[in-house]
Amino acid sequence: MNLFEAMRLFVRVAELGSFSAVAEQLGVGRSVVSRQIAALEKYLGVKLIHRTTRRLSLTTEGGLYLENCHQILSLVEAANSELVAERATVQGPIKISLPLSFGLQKAHAWLLEFLEAHKGVDLRIHFSDSRLDLIEEGLDVALRITSNLAETTIVRKLGSCDLTVVASPSYLAQQGEPTHPEQLQAHECLGYFLRGDSEPWLFEVDGRIKPFYFEHRLQANNGDALAEAAARGFGLAVVPDFIAETYLNDGRLVAILNGFAPPPIGIYGVLPSNRYMPHRVGVLLDFLATKLKPS
């Protein structure tokens, strides 16, 4: 039994005072209406309608239930109307978390463009490289750049970014340029960490992805900080393309080990798992996905 449909049917019977009149409106037999009301009464465990040969009347419980049905069905209709209106206009608040470097260098400009296109949207942006608890922080969505997502995480993949091993020309002039990942043990490797220990560097060697672990004199949880340290000659760093681009273009860094490319990492929209995704958030993710498609 569909409870909402049964409630609507009960309201019709109560308002028209006749099974036959309701059956005629719906184009069904009188017995169909009678059986559905009887099923609703059985489900609720109370009698809602007195039936006589001349007329129908509500019991005391039926009268109270009718009032509640009116309120509940009105709320349902209002909620449906709001969703229809939202889908037509894309409006309402969105609270989003962005990785610091990617957020400032790329996503922030895209979000401003999104705001210009959707005047009814209110946006609250949280810049952080920490993996915030979306439910605890009241976030609608978080962008994450990672190759390590928990299996239970609710995500939508929006795109990916390449990783590049970089070093300054001055460092390479003094220390030499490694030509194979195995040679990195003889170099200063700058470590990225999110929580706890630094993550291993991954390279494609002989057609397989192989992890390499190093002791790091300098570690940071931000790619811009590592790229700047590498540019000042402190060692080698693995950084995403959106960070490496500026340094490579102005010559402060050069790319090395190009024949052993680290695997790309995904860019995801992470969603809270305890509720449905509002339409406005879906529209935003569609928009960001178009920005992250390869040109």
Protein backbone atom coordinates (compact mmCIF):
# COMPACT_ATOMS: atom_id res chain seq x y z
CA MET A 1 0.00 0.00 0.00
CA ASN A 2 1.23 3.47 -0.93
CA LEU A 3 0.48 5.44 2.22
CA PHE A 4 0.45 8.88 0.58
CA GLU A 5 -1.93 7.70 -2.14
CA ALA A 6 -4.15 6.08 0.50
CA MET A 7 -4.20 9.34 2.45
CA ARG A 8 -5.19 11.27 -0.67
CA LEU A 9 -7.95 8.78 -1.39
CA PHE A 10 -9.26 9.05 2.19
CA VAL A 11 -9.37 12.85 1.90
CA ARG A 12 -11.39 12.57 -1.32
CA VAL A 13 -13.87 10.16 0.29
CA ALA A 14 -14.20 12.39 3.34
CA GLU A 15 -14.79 15.50 1.23
CA LEU A 16 -17.27 13.91 -1.19
CA GLY A 17 -18.93 11.67 1.42
CA SER A 18 -19.31 8.83 -1.04
CA PHE A 19 -17.29 5.86 -2.28
CA SER A 20 -19.28 5.91 -5.51
CA ALA A 21 -18.53 9.58 -6.23
CA VAL A 22 -14.81 9.05 -5.71
CA ALA A 23 -14.85 5.90 -7.84
CA GLU A 24 -16.58 7.80 -10.65
CA GLN A 25 -13.97 10.59 -10.47
CA LEU A 26 -11.11 8.09 -10.65
CA GLY A 27 -12.73 5.84 -13.23
CA VAL A 28 -12.60 2.72 -11.06
CA GLY A 29 -15.14 0.45 -9.42
CA ARG A 30 -16.69 1.40 -6.05
CA SER A 31 -15.29 -1.79 -4.54
CA VAL A 32 -11.73 -0.69 -5.39
CA VAL A 33 -12.15 2.50 -3.33
CA SER A 34 -13.81 0.62 -0.48
CA ARG A 35 -11.03 -1.99 -0.33
CA GLN A 36 -8.29 0.68 -0.25
CA ILE A 37 -9.95 2.54 2.61
CA ALA A 38 -10.39 -0.75 4.47
CA ALA A 39 -6.68 -1.49 3.93
CA LEU A 40 -5.77 1.96 5.32
CA GLU A 41 -7.93 1.34 8.41
CA LYS A 42 -6.28 -2.04 8.92
CA TYR A 43 -2.82 -0.47 8.61
CA LEU A 44 -3.69 2.25 11.14
CA GLY A 45 -5.57 -0.09 13.45
CA VAL A 46 -8.57 2.26 13.78
CA LYS A 47 -11.93 2.78 12.08
CA LEU A 48 -11.98 6.02 10.09
CA ILE A 49 -15.42 5.95 8.45
CA HIS A 50 -18.89 4.87 9.57
CA ARG A 51 -20.61 3.18 6.66
CA THR A 52 -24.42 3.06 6.37
CA THR A 53 -26.72 2.41 3.42
CA ARG A 54 -27.51 6.14 3.17
CA ARG A 55 -24.30 7.99 3.94
CA LEU A 56 -20.74 7.94 5.16
CA SER A 57 -19.52 9.77 8.24
CA LEU A 58 -16.14 10.11 9.90
CA THR A 59 -15.39 8.59 13.25
CA THR A 60 -13.71 10.78 15.89
CA GLU A 61 -10.40 9.22 14.88
CA GLY A 62 -11.28 9.78 11.24
CA GLY A 63 -11.88 13.48 11.83
CA LEU A 64 -8.51 13.90 13.57
CA TYR A 65 -6.80 11.89 10.83
CA LEU A 66 -8.41 14.07 8.15
CA GLU A 67 -6.94 17.21 9.74
CA ASN A 68 -3.50 15.63 9.87
CA CYS A 69 -3.81 14.38 6.29
CA HIS A 70 -4.59 17.92 5.11
CA GLN A 71 -1.46 19.23 6.86
CA ILE A 72 0.82 16.43 5.67
CA LEU A 73 -0.37 16.51 2.07
CA SER A 74 -0.05 20.30 2.01
CA LEU A 75 3.56 20.03 3.19
CA VAL A 76 4.28 17.40 0.55
CA GLU A 77 2.79 19.57 -2.18
CA ALA A 78 4.76 22.58 -0.94
CA ALA A 79 7.99 20.59 -0.92
CA ASN A 80 7.33 19.32 -4.43
CA SER A 81 6.55 22.84 -5.62
CA GLU A 82 9.77 24.17 -4.11
CA LEU A 83 11.80 21.49 -5.89
CA VAL A 84 10.10 22.23 -9.20
CA ALA A 85 10.75 25.95 -8.72
CA GLU A 86 14.38 25.32 -7.76
CA ARG A 87 14.92 23.17 -10.84
CA ALA A 88 13.57 25.98 -12.96
CA THR A 89 15.72 28.73 -11.43
CA VAL A 90 18.70 27.06 -9.65
CA GLN A 91 18.65 28.90 -6.34
CA GLY A 92 19.57 28.54 -2.71
CA PRO A 93 22.75 28.25 -0.62
CA ILE A 94 25.74 26.03 -1.43
CA LYS A 95 28.54 25.48 1.08
CA ILE A 96 31.63 24.06 -0.63
CA SER A 97 35.14 23.13 0.48
CA LEU A 98 38.09 23.51 -1.93
CA PRO A 99 41.73 22.40 -1.74
CA LEU A 100 43.80 25.51 -1.06
CA SER A 101 46.05 25.70 -4.13
CA PHE A 102 43.58 24.30 -6.65
CA GLY A 103 40.80 26.40 -5.15
CA LEU A 104 42.70 29.67 -5.42
CA GLN A 105 44.36 29.00 -8.78
CA LYS A 106 41.50 27.36 -10.67
CA ALA A 107 38.19 26.65 -8.98
CA HIS A 108 37.59 30.06 -7.40
CA ALA A 109 37.36 31.79 -10.79
CA TRP A 110 35.00 29.08 -12.03
CA LEU A 111 32.76 29.51 -8.99
CA LEU A 112 32.55 33.26 -9.60
CA GLU A 113 31.51 32.49 -13.16
CA PHE A 114 28.85 30.12 -11.81
CA LEU A 115 27.54 32.85 -9.49
CA GLU A 116 27.28 35.26 -12.39
CA ALA A 117 25.20 32.74 -14.33
CA HIS A 118 22.92 31.81 -11.40
CA LYS A 119 21.83 34.93 -9.54
CA GLY A 120 19.71 32.99 -7.05
CA VAL A 121 22.62 30.98 -5.65
CA ASP A 122 24.41 31.98 -2.43
CA LEU A 123 27.90 30.51 -2.16
CA ARG A 124 30.06 29.92 0.92
CA ILE A 125 33.60 28.75 0.09
CA HIS A 126 35.90 27.03 2.59
CA PHE A 127 39.54 26.73 1.48
CA SER A 128 41.34 23.85 3.18
CA ASP A 129 43.67 20.97 2.38
CA SER A 130 42.23 19.03 5.36
CA ARG A 131 39.66 16.33 4.75
CA LEU A 132 36.77 17.88 6.59
CA ASP A 133 33.78 15.90 7.81
CA LEU A 134 31.09 17.16 5.44
CA ILE A 135 28.20 16.35 7.76
CA GLU A 136 29.85 17.85 10.83
CA GLU A 137 30.82 21.02 8.95
CA GLY A 138 27.45 21.34 7.21
CA LEU A 139 29.05 21.18 3.74
CA ASP A 140 27.00 20.44 0.63
CA VAL A 141 30.03 19.31 -1.37
CA ALA A 142 33.83 19.22 -1.19
CA LEU A 143 36.30 19.06 -4.06
CA ARG A 144 39.13 16.62 -3.43
CA ILE A 145 42.18 15.77 -5.51
CA THR A 146 43.30 12.32 -4.47
CA SER A 147 44.03 8.75 -5.47
CA ASN A 148 42.93 7.46 -2.08
CA LEU A 149 39.19 7.59 -1.42
CA ALA A 150 37.46 5.52 1.23
CA GLU A 151 35.11 2.92 -0.26
CA THR A 152 32.14 4.41 1.56
CA THR A 153 32.73 7.94 0.23
CA ILE A 154 29.92 9.27 -1.96
CA VAL A 155 31.62 10.92 -4.92
CA ARG A 156 31.26 12.10 -8.46
CA LYS A 157 34.46 12.13 -10.53
CA LEU A 158 34.80 15.48 -12.28
CA GLY A 159 38.20 15.12 -13.95
CA SER A 160 41.84 14.39 -13.25
CA CYS A 161 45.21 16.11 -13.14
CA ASP A 162 48.72 15.00 -14.08
CA LEU A 163 51.65 14.92 -11.69
CA THR A 164 55.13 16.13 -12.63
CA VAL A 165 58.50 15.62 -10.96
CA VAL A 166 60.26 19.00 -10.90
CA ALA A 167 63.55 20.51 -9.82
CA SER A 168 65.31 23.84 -10.23
CA PRO A 169 68.01 24.24 -12.88
CA SER A 170 70.48 25.20 -10.13
CA TYR A 171 69.78 22.01 -8.14
CA LEU A 172 70.26 19.83 -11.22
CA ALA A 173 73.45 21.64 -12.12
CA GLN A 174 74.90 20.87 -8.68
CA GLN A 175 73.45 17.40 -8.00
CA GLY A 176 72.89 15.99 -11.48
CA GLU A 177 69.64 14.89 -13.07
CA PRO A 178 68.23 11.46 -12.16
CA THR A 179 67.20 9.39 -15.16
CA HIS A 180 65.42 6.58 -13.29
CA PRO A 181 63.28 6.54 -10.11
CA GLU A 182 65.80 4.17 -8.50
CA GLN A 183 68.31 7.04 -8.50
CA LEU A 184 66.09 9.26 -6.35
CA GLN A 185 67.50 7.79 -3.12
CA ALA A 186 70.64 9.87 -3.79
CA HIS A 187 68.63 13.12 -3.97
CA GLU A 188 66.74 15.45 -1.66
CA CYS A 189 63.06 14.58 -2.20
CA LEU A 190 60.46 16.95 -0.79
CA GLY A 191 57.54 15.11 0.79
CA TYR A 192 53.80 15.75 0.59
CA PHE A 193 51.67 14.61 3.51
CA LEU A 194 48.00 14.98 4.32
CA ARG A 195 47.87 13.15 7.63
CA GLY A 196 50.72 11.28 9.30
CA ASP A 197 53.58 10.05 7.13
CA SER A 198 54.43 11.42 3.70
CA GLU A 199 52.85 9.62 0.77
CA PRO A 200 55.08 7.43 -1.43
CA TRP A 201 56.05 8.62 -4.90
CA LEU A 202 54.46 6.46 -7.60
CA PHE A 203 56.06 5.84 -10.98
CA GLU A 204 55.29 3.68 -13.98
CA VAL A 205 58.24 1.32 -14.28
CA ASP A 206 58.23 -1.50 -16.86
CA GLY A 207 54.50 -1.05 -17.38
CA ARG A 208 53.60 -1.28 -13.68
CA ILE A 209 52.96 1.35 -11.03
CA LYS A 210 55.65 1.08 -8.36
CA PRO A 211 55.84 3.01 -5.05
CA PHE A 212 59.08 4.60 -3.85
CA TYR A 213 59.65 5.66 -0.24
CA PHE A 214 62.11 8.32 0.91
CA GLU A 215 63.30 10.12 3.99
CA HIS A 216 62.33 13.78 3.61
CA ARG A 217 64.21 16.74 5.05
CA LEU A 218 61.27 19.00 4.12
CA GLN A 219 57.62 18.01 4.13
CA ALA A 220 54.44 20.04 3.61
CA ASN A 221 50.73 19.46 3.12
CA ASN A 222 50.52 21.98 0.28
CA GLY A 223 51.81 21.62 -3.29
CA ASP A 224 52.56 25.33 -3.73
CA ALA A 225 54.88 25.24 -0.73
CA LEU A 226 56.75 22.25 -2.16
CA ALA A 227 57.03 23.82 -5.62
CA GLU A 228 58.45 27.02 -4.14
CA ALA A 229 60.97 25.05 -2.08
CA ALA A 230 62.01 23.12 -5.18
CA ALA A 231 62.36 26.38 -7.14
CA ARG A 232 64.76 27.63 -4.45
CA GLY A 233 66.95 24.57 -4.84
CA PHE A 234 65.94 22.51 -1.81
CA GLY A 235 65.31 19.36 -3.82
CA LEU A 236 62.90 17.49 -6.09
CA ALA A 237 59.12 17.65 -5.74
CA VAL A 238 56.11 15.91 -7.26
CA VAL A 239 53.42 18.51 -7.93
CA PRO A 240 50.14 18.60 -9.89
CA ASP A 241 50.07 20.24 -13.30
CA PHE A 242 48.04 23.28 -12.19
CA ILE A 243 50.86 24.18 -9.77
CA ALA A 244 53.80 23.18 -11.99
CA GLU A 245 52.56 25.13 -15.01
CA THR A 246 53.63 28.62 -13.92
CA TYR A 247 57.02 27.49 -12.63
CA LEU A 248 57.77 25.54 -15.82
CA ASN A 249 56.73 28.42 -18.06
CA ASP A 250 58.99 30.94 -16.32
CA GLY A 251 61.93 28.52 -16.08
CA ARG A 252 62.18 28.36 -12.30
CA LEU A 253 61.54 24.61 -12.48
CA VAL A 254 62.10 21.94 -15.11
CA ALA A 255 60.32 18.61 -15.49
CA ILE A 256 62.35 15.43 -15.05
CA LEU A 257 61.75 11.67 -15.25
CA ASN A 258 59.20 12.22 -18.00
CA GLY A 259 59.59 8.64 -19.14
CA PHE A 260 58.28 7.35 -15.79
CA ALA A 261 55.16 9.44 -15.46
CA PRO A 262 53.33 9.20 -12.11
CA PRO A 263 49.71 8.09 -12.59
CA PRO A 264 47.16 10.93 -12.83
CA ILE A 265 45.06 11.63 -9.75
CA GLY A 266 41.33 12.14 -9.75
CA ILE A 267 39.41 15.33 -9.01
CA TYR A 268 36.17 14.48 -7.21
CA GLY A 269 33.06 16.12 -5.88
CA VAL A 270 32.53 14.48 -2.48
CA LEU A 271 29.01 14.50 -1.07
CA PRO A 272 27.59 13.96 2.41
CA SER A 273 26.14 10.48 2.71
CA ASN A 274 23.16 11.27 4.90
CA ARG A 275 20.87 13.09 2.48
CA TYR A 276 19.88 13.60 -1.14
CA MET A 277 21.85 15.94 -3.38
CA PRO A 278 20.03 19.26 -3.96
CA HIS A 279 19.47 20.14 -7.60
CA ARG A 280 21.60 23.29 -7.31
CA VAL A 281 24.58 21.19 -6.17
CA GLY A 282 24.11 18.85 -9.12
CA VAL A 283 24.07 21.82 -11.50
CA LEU A 284 27.28 23.13 -9.92
CA LEU A 285 29.01 19.75 -10.31
CA ASP A 286 27.89 19.58 -13.95
CA PHE A 287 29.40 23.03 -14.47
CA LEU A 288 32.72 22.10 -12.81
CA ALA A 289 32.91 18.89 -14.85
CA THR A 290 32.76 20.92 -18.07
CA LYS A 291 35.67 23.05 -16.81
CA LEU A 292 37.76 19.97 -16.04
CA LYS A 293 37.24 18.18 -19.36
CA PRO A 294 40.44 17.96 -21.44
CA SER A 295 40.54 20.69 -24.09
